[in-house]
Amino acid sequence: MADQEQELEFNDTADGGKKKNKLIIFGGIGLVVALLIAGAVWFFMGSDEAIPVDGGEDSVASQSDSKDNVEADYVGMPRPFLFNLPGADRARLVEIKVQLMVRGENDSVLVQKHIPLIEDALLTTFSAADVQKLSTQAGKDELRQLALLNVQNTLQPITGKKIVEKVLFTGFVMQ
């Protein structure tokens, strides 16, 4: 009989210990969740004041006057450029997708108006490229810069200014 009472007491403490462990675990999880919620509320309800960067209002005013602050606009060429390049061992087929970066809506309209002229300048530039150079990143960068110069030189007599800021290759495949 004494043995049965000790077993009952032992079982009661084992169940009580499990309950205590569960209570501690759930309490810890609840505390972590409460802290996460409080942190999220503090973050999203925080101050919306803008903190001035070195120079305060003067630097903001000077930035708005500069041309670089005008929003960039990207004009995509309607079709990818597809052309053959002679190589040392065999001819290569090259496909380049191009977008032009301009500043402002007016320049974007001008570029769209003169797309056939731009396509001709780009195709002439791309067709004169060398397969060995196009196999390297430096060669692709050189071709991109050469394309930019040719597009700017082609458009400047017509528009009176350099409206294309960058030539971007958004797709480049050489087989």
N, C-alpha and C. Protein backbone atom coordinates (compact mmCIF):
# COMPACT_ATOMS: atom_id res chain seq x y z
N MET A 1 0.80 -1.18 0.00
CA MET A 1 0.00 0.00 0.00
C MET A 1 0.86 1.26 0.00
N ALA A 2 1.92 1.21 0.73
CA ALA A 2 2.84 2.34 0.77
C ALA A 2 3.50 2.53 -0.59
N ASP A 3 3.75 1.39 -1.26
CA ASP A 3 4.36 1.48 -2.59
C ASP A 3 3.42 2.17 -3.57
N GLN A 4 2.11 1.88 -3.46
CA GLN A 4 1.13 2.48 -4.37
C GLN A 4 1.04 3.99 -4.15
N GLU A 5 1.12 4.44 -2.90
CA GLU A 5 1.04 5.87 -2.62
C GLU A 5 2.25 6.60 -3.18
N GLN A 6 3.43 5.97 -3.08
CA GLN A 6 4.63 6.61 -3.61
C GLN A 6 4.56 6.71 -5.14
N GLU A 7 4.00 5.66 -5.78
CA GLU A 7 3.86 5.71 -7.23
C GLU A 7 2.90 6.82 -7.64
N LEU A 8 1.80 6.97 -6.90
CA LEU A 8 0.84 8.02 -7.21
C LEU A 8 1.48 9.39 -7.05
N GLU A 9 2.23 9.59 -5.98
CA GLU A 9 2.89 10.86 -5.76
C GLU A 9 3.91 11.12 -6.87
N PHE A 10 4.63 10.08 -7.27
CA PHE A 10 5.63 10.22 -8.31
C PHE A 10 4.97 10.62 -9.64
N ASN A 11 3.83 9.97 -9.96
CA ASN A 11 3.11 10.28 -11.19
C ASN A 11 2.54 11.69 -11.15
N ASP A 12 2.07 12.13 -9.99
CA ASP A 12 1.52 13.47 -9.87
C ASP A 12 2.61 14.52 -10.12
N THR A 13 3.81 14.31 -9.61
CA THR A 13 4.88 15.29 -9.80
C THR A 13 5.37 15.27 -11.25
N ALA A 14 5.34 14.12 -11.90
CA ALA A 14 5.77 14.05 -13.30
C ALA A 14 4.80 14.83 -14.18
N ASP A 15 3.49 14.67 -13.96
CA ASP A 15 2.49 15.41 -14.72
C ASP A 15 2.58 16.90 -14.41
N GLY A 16 2.82 17.23 -13.18
CA GLY A 16 2.95 18.63 -12.78
C GLY A 16 4.17 19.26 -13.42
N GLY A 17 5.27 18.52 -13.54
CA GLY A 17 6.49 19.03 -14.18
C GLY A 17 6.28 19.28 -15.65
N LYS A 18 5.55 18.39 -16.32
CA LYS A 18 5.26 18.57 -17.74
C LYS A 18 4.39 19.80 -17.95
N LYS A 19 3.41 19.98 -17.07
CA LYS A 19 2.54 21.14 -17.17
C LYS A 19 3.32 22.42 -16.95
N LYS A 20 4.26 22.37 -16.01
CA LYS A 20 5.06 23.54 -15.71
C LYS A 20 5.96 23.88 -16.91
N ASN A 21 6.54 22.85 -17.54
CA ASN A 21 7.38 23.07 -18.72
C ASN A 21 6.57 23.67 -19.87
N LYS A 22 5.36 23.15 -20.09
CA LYS A 22 4.49 23.68 -21.13
C LYS A 22 4.14 25.13 -20.85
N LEU A 23 3.86 25.44 -19.59
CA LEU A 23 3.51 26.80 -19.20
C LEU A 23 4.68 27.75 -19.47
N ILE A 24 5.89 27.32 -19.16
CA ILE A 24 7.07 28.16 -19.39
C ILE A 24 7.29 28.37 -20.89
N ILE A 25 7.14 27.31 -21.68
CA ILE A 25 7.34 27.41 -23.13
C ILE A 25 6.31 28.35 -23.75
N PHE A 26 5.03 28.15 -23.41
CA PHE A 26 3.99 29.01 -23.97
C PHE A 26 4.13 30.45 -23.49
N GLY A 27 4.55 30.62 -22.26
CA GLY A 27 4.78 31.98 -21.75
C GLY A 27 5.91 32.66 -22.51
N GLY A 28 6.98 31.92 -22.80
CA GLY A 28 8.11 32.48 -23.56
C GLY A 28 7.69 32.84 -24.98
N ILE A 29 6.92 31.97 -25.60
CA ILE A 29 6.45 32.24 -26.96
C ILE A 29 5.54 33.47 -26.96
N GLY A 30 4.67 33.56 -25.98
CA GLY A 30 3.78 34.72 -25.87
C GLY A 30 4.55 36.01 -25.69
N LEU A 31 5.61 35.96 -24.89
CA LEU A 31 6.43 37.15 -24.66
C LEU A 31 7.13 37.58 -25.96
N VAL A 32 7.66 36.63 -26.71
CA VAL A 32 8.32 36.95 -27.97
C VAL A 32 7.33 37.55 -28.96
N VAL A 33 6.14 36.99 -29.06
CA VAL A 33 5.12 37.51 -29.97
C VAL A 33 4.72 38.93 -29.56
N ALA A 34 4.55 39.16 -28.26
CA ALA A 34 4.18 40.49 -27.78
C ALA A 34 5.28 41.50 -28.11
N LEU A 35 6.54 41.11 -27.95
CA LEU A 35 7.64 42.02 -28.27
C LEU A 35 7.70 42.31 -29.77
N LEU A 36 7.45 41.31 -30.60
CA LEU A 36 7.44 41.53 -32.04
C LEU A 36 6.33 42.49 -32.45
N ILE A 37 5.16 42.33 -31.87
CA ILE A 37 4.04 43.22 -32.18
C ILE A 37 4.35 44.64 -31.72
N ALA A 38 4.89 44.77 -30.52
CA ALA A 38 5.24 46.10 -30.01
C ALA A 38 6.30 46.75 -30.89
N GLY A 39 7.29 45.98 -31.34
CA GLY A 39 8.32 46.52 -32.21
C GLY A 39 7.77 46.96 -33.55
N ALA A 40 6.86 46.18 -34.11
CA ALA A 40 6.25 46.53 -35.39
C ALA A 40 5.42 47.80 -35.26
N VAL A 41 4.64 47.92 -34.20
CA VAL A 41 3.83 49.12 -33.97
C VAL A 41 4.74 50.33 -33.83
N TRP A 42 5.82 50.20 -33.06
CA TRP A 42 6.74 51.31 -32.86
C TRP A 42 7.39 51.72 -34.19
N PHE A 43 7.76 50.73 -35.00
CA PHE A 43 8.41 51.01 -36.28
C PHE A 43 7.47 51.73 -37.24
N PHE A 44 6.23 51.22 -37.38
CA PHE A 44 5.31 51.80 -38.35
C PHE A 44 4.65 53.08 -37.87
N MET A 45 4.56 53.29 -36.59
CA MET A 45 3.95 54.50 -36.06
C MET A 45 5.00 55.57 -35.74
N GLY A 46 6.24 55.30 -36.09
CA GLY A 46 7.33 56.23 -35.79
C GLY A 46 7.16 57.54 -36.53
N SER A 47 8.05 58.46 -36.27
CA SER A 47 8.00 59.79 -36.85
C SER A 47 8.27 59.74 -38.35
N ASP A 48 7.54 60.57 -39.10
CA ASP A 48 7.73 60.66 -40.55
C ASP A 48 8.57 61.87 -40.93
N GLU A 49 9.22 62.50 -39.95
CA GLU A 49 10.02 63.68 -40.23
C GLU A 49 11.22 63.30 -41.08
N ALA A 50 11.52 64.14 -42.06
CA ALA A 50 12.70 63.92 -42.88
C ALA A 50 13.90 64.51 -42.16
N ILE A 51 14.97 63.76 -42.12
CA ILE A 51 16.18 64.23 -41.48
C ILE A 51 17.05 64.87 -42.55
N PRO A 52 17.38 66.18 -42.41
CA PRO A 52 18.19 66.83 -43.44
C PRO A 52 19.60 66.25 -43.49
N VAL A 53 20.10 66.12 -44.70
CA VAL A 53 21.45 65.61 -44.92
C VAL A 53 22.36 66.81 -45.08
N ASP A 54 23.61 66.69 -44.71
CA ASP A 54 24.61 67.76 -44.76
C ASP A 54 24.21 68.91 -45.67
N GLY A 55 23.95 70.03 -45.11
CA GLY A 55 23.62 71.21 -45.88
C GLY A 55 22.15 71.57 -45.79
N GLY A 56 21.32 70.70 -45.33
CA GLY A 56 19.91 70.99 -45.11
C GLY A 56 19.19 71.40 -46.38
N GLU A 57 18.46 72.53 -46.32
CA GLU A 57 17.62 72.96 -47.42
C GLU A 57 18.43 73.44 -48.61
N ASP A 58 19.62 74.00 -48.38
CA ASP A 58 20.43 74.52 -49.47
C ASP A 58 20.81 73.41 -50.45
N SER A 59 21.19 72.24 -49.93
CA SER A 59 21.60 71.15 -50.82
C SER A 59 20.41 70.61 -51.60
N VAL A 60 19.22 70.61 -51.00
CA VAL A 60 18.04 70.13 -51.71
C VAL A 60 17.69 71.08 -52.84
N ALA A 61 17.79 72.38 -52.61
CA ALA A 61 17.47 73.36 -53.64
C ALA A 61 18.45 73.27 -54.80
N SER A 62 19.73 73.07 -54.51
CA SER A 62 20.71 72.99 -55.58
C SER A 62 20.55 71.71 -56.39
N GLN A 63 20.09 70.64 -55.75
CA GLN A 63 19.89 69.39 -56.48
C GLN A 63 18.71 69.49 -57.43
N SER A 64 17.66 70.19 -57.04
CA SER A 64 16.49 70.27 -57.90
C SER A 64 16.76 71.11 -59.13
N ASP A 65 17.77 72.00 -59.07
CA ASP A 65 18.10 72.83 -60.22
C ASP A 65 18.92 72.08 -61.26
N SER A 66 19.62 71.03 -60.85
CA SER A 66 20.50 70.33 -61.78
C SER A 66 19.71 69.45 -62.74
N LYS A 67 20.31 69.19 -63.91
CA LYS A 67 19.64 68.37 -64.92
C LYS A 67 19.56 66.91 -64.50
N ASP A 68 20.51 66.46 -63.68
CA ASP A 68 20.54 65.06 -63.27
C ASP A 68 19.35 64.68 -62.41
N ASN A 69 18.68 65.67 -61.84
CA ASN A 69 17.55 65.38 -60.96
C ASN A 69 16.28 65.09 -61.75
N VAL A 70 16.28 65.38 -63.07
CA VAL A 70 15.12 65.07 -63.90
C VAL A 70 15.02 63.55 -63.99
N GLU A 71 13.81 63.06 -63.90
CA GLU A 71 13.59 61.62 -63.85
C GLU A 71 14.04 60.93 -65.14
N ALA A 72 14.72 59.82 -64.97
CA ALA A 72 15.19 59.04 -66.12
C ALA A 72 14.01 58.32 -66.77
N ASP A 73 14.05 58.25 -68.08
CA ASP A 73 13.02 57.55 -68.84
C ASP A 73 13.73 56.58 -69.78
N TYR A 74 13.17 55.40 -69.95
CA TYR A 74 13.80 54.37 -70.77
C TYR A 74 12.94 54.10 -71.99
N VAL A 75 13.56 54.18 -73.15
CA VAL A 75 12.86 53.94 -74.41
C VAL A 75 13.45 52.68 -75.01
N GLY A 76 12.60 51.68 -75.17
CA GLY A 76 13.05 50.41 -75.73
C GLY A 76 12.96 50.41 -77.24
N MET A 77 13.93 49.79 -77.87
CA MET A 77 13.86 49.61 -79.31
C MET A 77 12.78 48.57 -79.60
N PRO A 78 11.98 48.77 -80.64
CA PRO A 78 10.84 47.88 -80.87
C PRO A 78 11.21 46.42 -81.15
N ARG A 79 12.40 46.19 -81.74
CA ARG A 79 12.84 44.83 -82.04
C ARG A 79 14.28 44.65 -81.60
N PRO A 80 14.65 43.43 -81.26
CA PRO A 80 16.06 43.18 -80.97
C PRO A 80 16.88 43.24 -82.26
N PHE A 81 18.14 43.58 -82.12
CA PHE A 81 19.05 43.62 -83.27
C PHE A 81 19.61 42.22 -83.48
N LEU A 82 19.42 41.69 -84.68
CA LEU A 82 19.86 40.34 -85.01
C LEU A 82 20.77 40.45 -86.23
N PHE A 83 22.04 40.02 -86.08
CA PHE A 83 23.00 40.17 -87.16
C PHE A 83 24.07 39.10 -87.07
N ASN A 84 24.76 38.88 -88.20
CA ASN A 84 25.87 37.91 -88.28
C ASN A 84 27.19 38.65 -88.18
N LEU A 85 28.14 38.03 -87.48
CA LEU A 85 29.50 38.55 -87.41
C LEU A 85 30.45 37.46 -87.86
N PRO A 86 31.37 37.77 -88.78
CA PRO A 86 32.34 36.75 -89.19
C PRO A 86 33.35 36.51 -88.07
N GLY A 87 33.62 35.24 -87.81
CA GLY A 87 34.59 34.87 -86.78
C GLY A 87 35.78 34.18 -87.39
N ALA A 88 36.77 33.83 -86.58
CA ALA A 88 37.98 33.17 -87.06
C ALA A 88 37.66 31.79 -87.62
N ASP A 89 36.83 31.03 -86.92
CA ASP A 89 36.51 29.67 -87.36
C ASP A 89 35.15 29.58 -88.04
N ARG A 90 34.20 30.39 -87.62
CA ARG A 90 32.86 30.36 -88.22
C ARG A 90 32.14 31.66 -87.92
N ALA A 91 31.04 31.89 -88.63
CA ALA A 91 30.24 33.10 -88.42
C ALA A 91 29.40 32.94 -87.15
N ARG A 92 29.19 34.02 -86.46
CA ARG A 92 28.40 34.01 -85.23
C ARG A 92 27.13 34.82 -85.44
N LEU A 93 26.06 34.34 -84.84
CA LEU A 93 24.79 35.05 -84.85
C LEU A 93 24.67 35.78 -83.52
N VAL A 94 24.40 37.07 -83.58
CA VAL A 94 24.33 37.89 -82.37
C VAL A 94 22.95 38.55 -82.30
N GLU A 95 22.37 38.52 -81.11
CA GLU A 95 21.10 39.20 -80.85
C GLU A 95 21.29 40.12 -79.65
N ILE A 96 20.97 41.40 -79.83
CA ILE A 96 21.11 42.38 -78.75
C ILE A 96 19.79 43.13 -78.60
N LYS A 97 19.27 43.15 -77.38
CA LYS A 97 18.09 43.95 -77.06
C LYS A 97 18.59 45.24 -76.41
N VAL A 98 18.07 46.37 -76.89
CA VAL A 98 18.60 47.67 -76.48
C VAL A 98 17.49 48.55 -75.92
N GLN A 99 17.85 49.29 -74.87
CA GLN A 99 17.01 50.37 -74.36
C GLN A 99 17.88 51.60 -74.22
N LEU A 100 17.28 52.76 -74.43
CA LEU A 100 18.01 54.03 -74.33
C LEU A 100 17.52 54.79 -73.12
N MET A 101 18.46 55.32 -72.34
CA MET A 101 18.09 56.13 -71.17
C MET A 101 18.16 57.60 -71.55
N VAL A 102 17.05 58.30 -71.33
CA VAL A 102 16.97 59.73 -71.59
C VAL A 102 16.44 60.41 -70.33
N ARG A 103 16.54 61.72 -70.29
CA ARG A 103 16.04 62.49 -69.14
C ARG A 103 14.83 63.31 -69.57
N GLY A 104 13.70 63.04 -68.94
CA GLY A 104 12.51 63.84 -69.18
C GLY A 104 11.62 63.29 -70.28
N GLU A 105 10.39 63.72 -70.23
CA GLU A 105 9.37 63.27 -71.17
C GLU A 105 9.62 63.80 -72.58
N ASN A 106 10.11 65.03 -72.69
CA ASN A 106 10.35 65.62 -74.01
C ASN A 106 11.41 64.85 -74.78
N ASP A 107 12.50 64.48 -74.10
CA ASP A 107 13.55 63.71 -74.76
C ASP A 107 13.05 62.32 -75.15
N SER A 108 12.18 61.76 -74.33
CA SER A 108 11.61 60.45 -74.64
C SER A 108 10.78 60.51 -75.92
N VAL A 109 10.01 61.56 -76.07
CA VAL A 109 9.19 61.73 -77.28
C VAL A 109 10.09 61.91 -78.50
N LEU A 110 11.17 62.69 -78.34
CA LEU A 110 12.09 62.89 -79.46
C LEU A 110 12.74 61.58 -79.90
N VAL A 111 13.15 60.77 -78.94
CA VAL A 111 13.78 59.49 -79.27
C VAL A 111 12.79 58.58 -79.99
N GLN A 112 11.55 58.52 -79.51
CA GLN A 112 10.55 57.67 -80.15
C GLN A 112 10.26 58.14 -81.57
N LYS A 113 10.33 59.43 -81.78
CA LYS A 113 10.09 59.98 -83.11
C LYS A 113 11.18 59.55 -84.10
N HIS A 114 12.42 59.43 -83.61
CA HIS A 114 13.56 59.15 -84.48
C HIS A 114 14.08 57.71 -84.35
N ILE A 115 13.23 56.77 -83.98
CA ILE A 115 13.66 55.38 -83.80
C ILE A 115 14.28 54.78 -85.07
N PRO A 116 13.74 54.99 -86.27
CA PRO A 116 14.40 54.40 -87.45
C PRO A 116 15.84 54.89 -87.64
N LEU A 117 16.07 56.15 -87.37
CA LEU A 117 17.42 56.70 -87.48
C LEU A 117 18.35 56.09 -86.42
N ILE A 118 17.84 55.92 -85.22
CA ILE A 118 18.62 55.32 -84.13
C ILE A 118 18.92 53.86 -84.44
N GLU A 119 17.92 53.14 -84.95
CA GLU A 119 18.14 51.73 -85.30
C GLU A 119 19.23 51.59 -86.36
N ASP A 120 19.23 52.48 -87.33
CA ASP A 120 20.26 52.43 -88.37
C ASP A 120 21.65 52.67 -87.77
N ALA A 121 21.78 53.65 -86.89
CA ALA A 121 23.07 53.94 -86.27
C ALA A 121 23.54 52.77 -85.42
N LEU A 122 22.62 52.15 -84.68
CA LEU A 122 22.99 51.02 -83.83
C LEU A 122 23.37 49.79 -84.65
N LEU A 123 22.61 49.51 -85.69
CA LEU A 123 22.91 48.34 -86.52
C LEU A 123 24.25 48.50 -87.23
N THR A 124 24.56 49.70 -87.68
CA THR A 124 25.86 49.97 -88.30
C THR A 124 26.98 49.75 -87.30
N THR A 125 26.78 50.21 -86.08
CA THR A 125 27.79 50.05 -85.02
C THR A 125 27.97 48.58 -84.67
N PHE A 126 26.86 47.87 -84.48
CA PHE A 126 26.93 46.47 -84.08
C PHE A 126 27.55 45.60 -85.17
N SER A 127 27.23 45.89 -86.44
CA SER A 127 27.74 45.07 -87.54
C SER A 127 29.25 45.21 -87.70
N ALA A 128 29.81 46.30 -87.24
CA ALA A 128 31.26 46.52 -87.36
C ALA A 128 32.03 45.93 -86.18
N ALA A 129 31.34 45.30 -85.25
CA ALA A 129 31.99 44.76 -84.05
C ALA A 129 32.83 43.54 -84.37
N ASP A 130 33.71 43.19 -83.45
CA ASP A 130 34.60 42.05 -83.59
C ASP A 130 34.13 40.93 -82.65
N VAL A 131 34.07 39.70 -83.15
CA VAL A 131 33.60 38.57 -82.36
C VAL A 131 34.47 38.35 -81.13
N GLN A 132 35.79 38.47 -81.28
CA GLN A 132 36.69 38.24 -80.15
C GLN A 132 36.44 39.25 -79.03
N LYS A 133 36.19 40.51 -79.40
CA LYS A 133 35.94 41.53 -78.38
C LYS A 133 34.61 41.29 -77.67
N LEU A 134 33.61 40.87 -78.43
CA LEU A 134 32.29 40.66 -77.84
C LEU A 134 32.25 39.46 -76.90
N SER A 135 33.29 38.66 -76.92
CA SER A 135 33.35 37.50 -76.02
C SER A 135 33.72 37.91 -74.60
N THR A 136 34.19 39.14 -74.42
CA THR A 136 34.60 39.61 -73.09
C THR A 136 33.67 40.73 -72.62
N GLN A 137 33.63 40.94 -71.32
CA GLN A 137 32.81 42.02 -70.76
C GLN A 137 33.34 43.38 -71.18
N ALA A 138 34.66 43.52 -71.23
CA ALA A 138 35.26 44.79 -71.64
C ALA A 138 34.88 45.12 -73.09
N GLY A 139 34.82 44.11 -73.93
CA GLY A 139 34.42 44.32 -75.32
C GLY A 139 32.97 44.76 -75.44
N LYS A 140 32.11 44.18 -74.61
CA LYS A 140 30.69 44.58 -74.61
C LYS A 140 30.54 46.02 -74.11
N ASP A 141 31.31 46.38 -73.08
CA ASP A 141 31.26 47.75 -72.57
C ASP A 141 31.76 48.74 -73.63
N GLU A 142 32.81 48.35 -74.35
CA GLU A 142 33.34 49.21 -75.41
C GLU A 142 32.30 49.39 -76.52
N LEU A 143 31.61 48.31 -76.88
CA LEU A 143 30.57 48.38 -77.90
C LEU A 143 29.42 49.28 -77.43
N ARG A 144 29.07 49.19 -76.16
CA ARG A 144 28.00 50.02 -75.60
C ARG A 144 28.38 51.50 -75.68
N GLN A 145 29.63 51.83 -75.34
CA GLN A 145 30.09 53.22 -75.41
C GLN A 145 30.14 53.72 -76.85
N LEU A 146 30.60 52.88 -77.75
CA LEU A 146 30.65 53.25 -79.16
C LEU A 146 29.24 53.46 -79.71
N ALA A 147 28.30 52.62 -79.31
CA ALA A 147 26.91 52.77 -79.73
C ALA A 147 26.34 54.09 -79.21
N LEU A 148 26.65 54.43 -77.96
CA LEU A 148 26.18 55.69 -77.38
C LEU A 148 26.72 56.88 -78.18
N LEU A 149 28.01 56.87 -78.48
CA LEU A 149 28.60 57.97 -79.25
C LEU A 149 27.96 58.09 -80.64
N ASN A 150 27.75 56.96 -81.30
CA ASN A 150 27.15 57.00 -82.64
C ASN A 150 25.70 57.50 -82.60
N VAL A 151 24.94 57.08 -81.61
CA VAL A 151 23.55 57.55 -81.49
C VAL A 151 23.53 59.05 -81.19
N GLN A 152 24.38 59.49 -80.27
CA GLN A 152 24.43 60.92 -79.95
C GLN A 152 24.86 61.75 -81.16
N ASN A 153 25.87 61.28 -81.89
CA ASN A 153 26.34 62.01 -83.07
C ASN A 153 25.30 62.01 -84.19
N THR A 154 24.49 60.98 -84.27
CA THR A 154 23.44 60.92 -85.29
C THR A 154 22.28 61.85 -84.95
N LEU A 155 21.91 61.92 -83.67
CA LEU A 155 20.75 62.72 -83.27
C LEU A 155 21.06 64.19 -83.05
N GLN A 156 22.30 64.52 -82.72
CA GLN A 156 22.62 65.91 -82.37
C GLN A 156 22.35 66.90 -83.50
N PRO A 157 22.69 66.61 -84.75
CA PRO A 157 22.37 67.58 -85.81
C PRO A 157 20.86 67.80 -85.98
N ILE A 158 20.08 66.79 -85.67
CA ILE A 158 18.63 66.88 -85.87
C ILE A 158 17.94 67.56 -84.69
N THR A 159 18.32 67.15 -83.46
CA THR A 159 17.64 67.66 -82.27
C THR A 159 18.34 68.87 -81.66
N GLY A 160 19.61 69.05 -81.97
CA GLY A 160 20.35 70.18 -81.42
C GLY A 160 20.98 69.92 -80.06
N LYS A 161 20.81 68.72 -79.53
CA LYS A 161 21.42 68.39 -78.23
C LYS A 161 21.60 66.88 -78.12
N LYS A 162 22.38 66.48 -77.12
CA LYS A 162 22.58 65.05 -76.86
C LYS A 162 21.46 64.59 -75.93
N ILE A 163 20.49 63.91 -76.50
CA ILE A 163 19.33 63.53 -75.69
C ILE A 163 19.46 62.14 -75.09
N VAL A 164 20.30 61.29 -75.66
CA VAL A 164 20.47 59.93 -75.14
C VAL A 164 21.63 59.95 -74.16
N GLU A 165 21.35 59.53 -72.92
CA GLU A 165 22.38 59.53 -71.87
C GLU A 165 23.12 58.20 -71.79
N LYS A 166 22.41 57.10 -72.01
CA LYS A 166 23.03 55.77 -71.95
C LYS A 166 22.38 54.84 -72.94
N VAL A 167 23.18 53.90 -73.44
CA VAL A 167 22.66 52.79 -74.23
C VAL A 167 22.79 51.56 -73.34
N LEU A 168 21.68 50.89 -73.10
CA LEU A 168 21.65 49.73 -72.21
C LEU A 168 21.36 48.46 -73.01
N PHE A 169 22.16 47.43 -72.77
CA PHE A 169 21.89 46.13 -73.37
C PHE A 169 21.05 45.34 -72.38
N THR A 170 19.79 45.12 -72.71
CA THR A 170 18.92 44.35 -71.81
C THR A 170 18.88 42.88 -72.19
N GLY A 171 19.49 42.54 -73.30
CA GLY A 171 19.61 41.15 -73.70
C GLY A 171 20.78 41.02 -74.66
N PHE A 172 21.60 39.99 -74.46
CA PHE A 172 22.77 39.81 -75.32
C PHE A 172 23.00 38.31 -75.49
N VAL A 173 22.85 37.83 -76.74
CA VAL A 173 23.06 36.42 -77.04
C VAL A 173 24.00 36.33 -78.24
N MET A 174 25.03 35.49 -78.10
CA MET A 174 25.95 35.25 -79.21
C MET A 174 26.10 33.74 -79.38
N GLN A 175 25.80 33.25 -80.59
CA GLN A 175 25.89 31.81 -80.86
C GLN A 175 26.87 31.54 -81.96
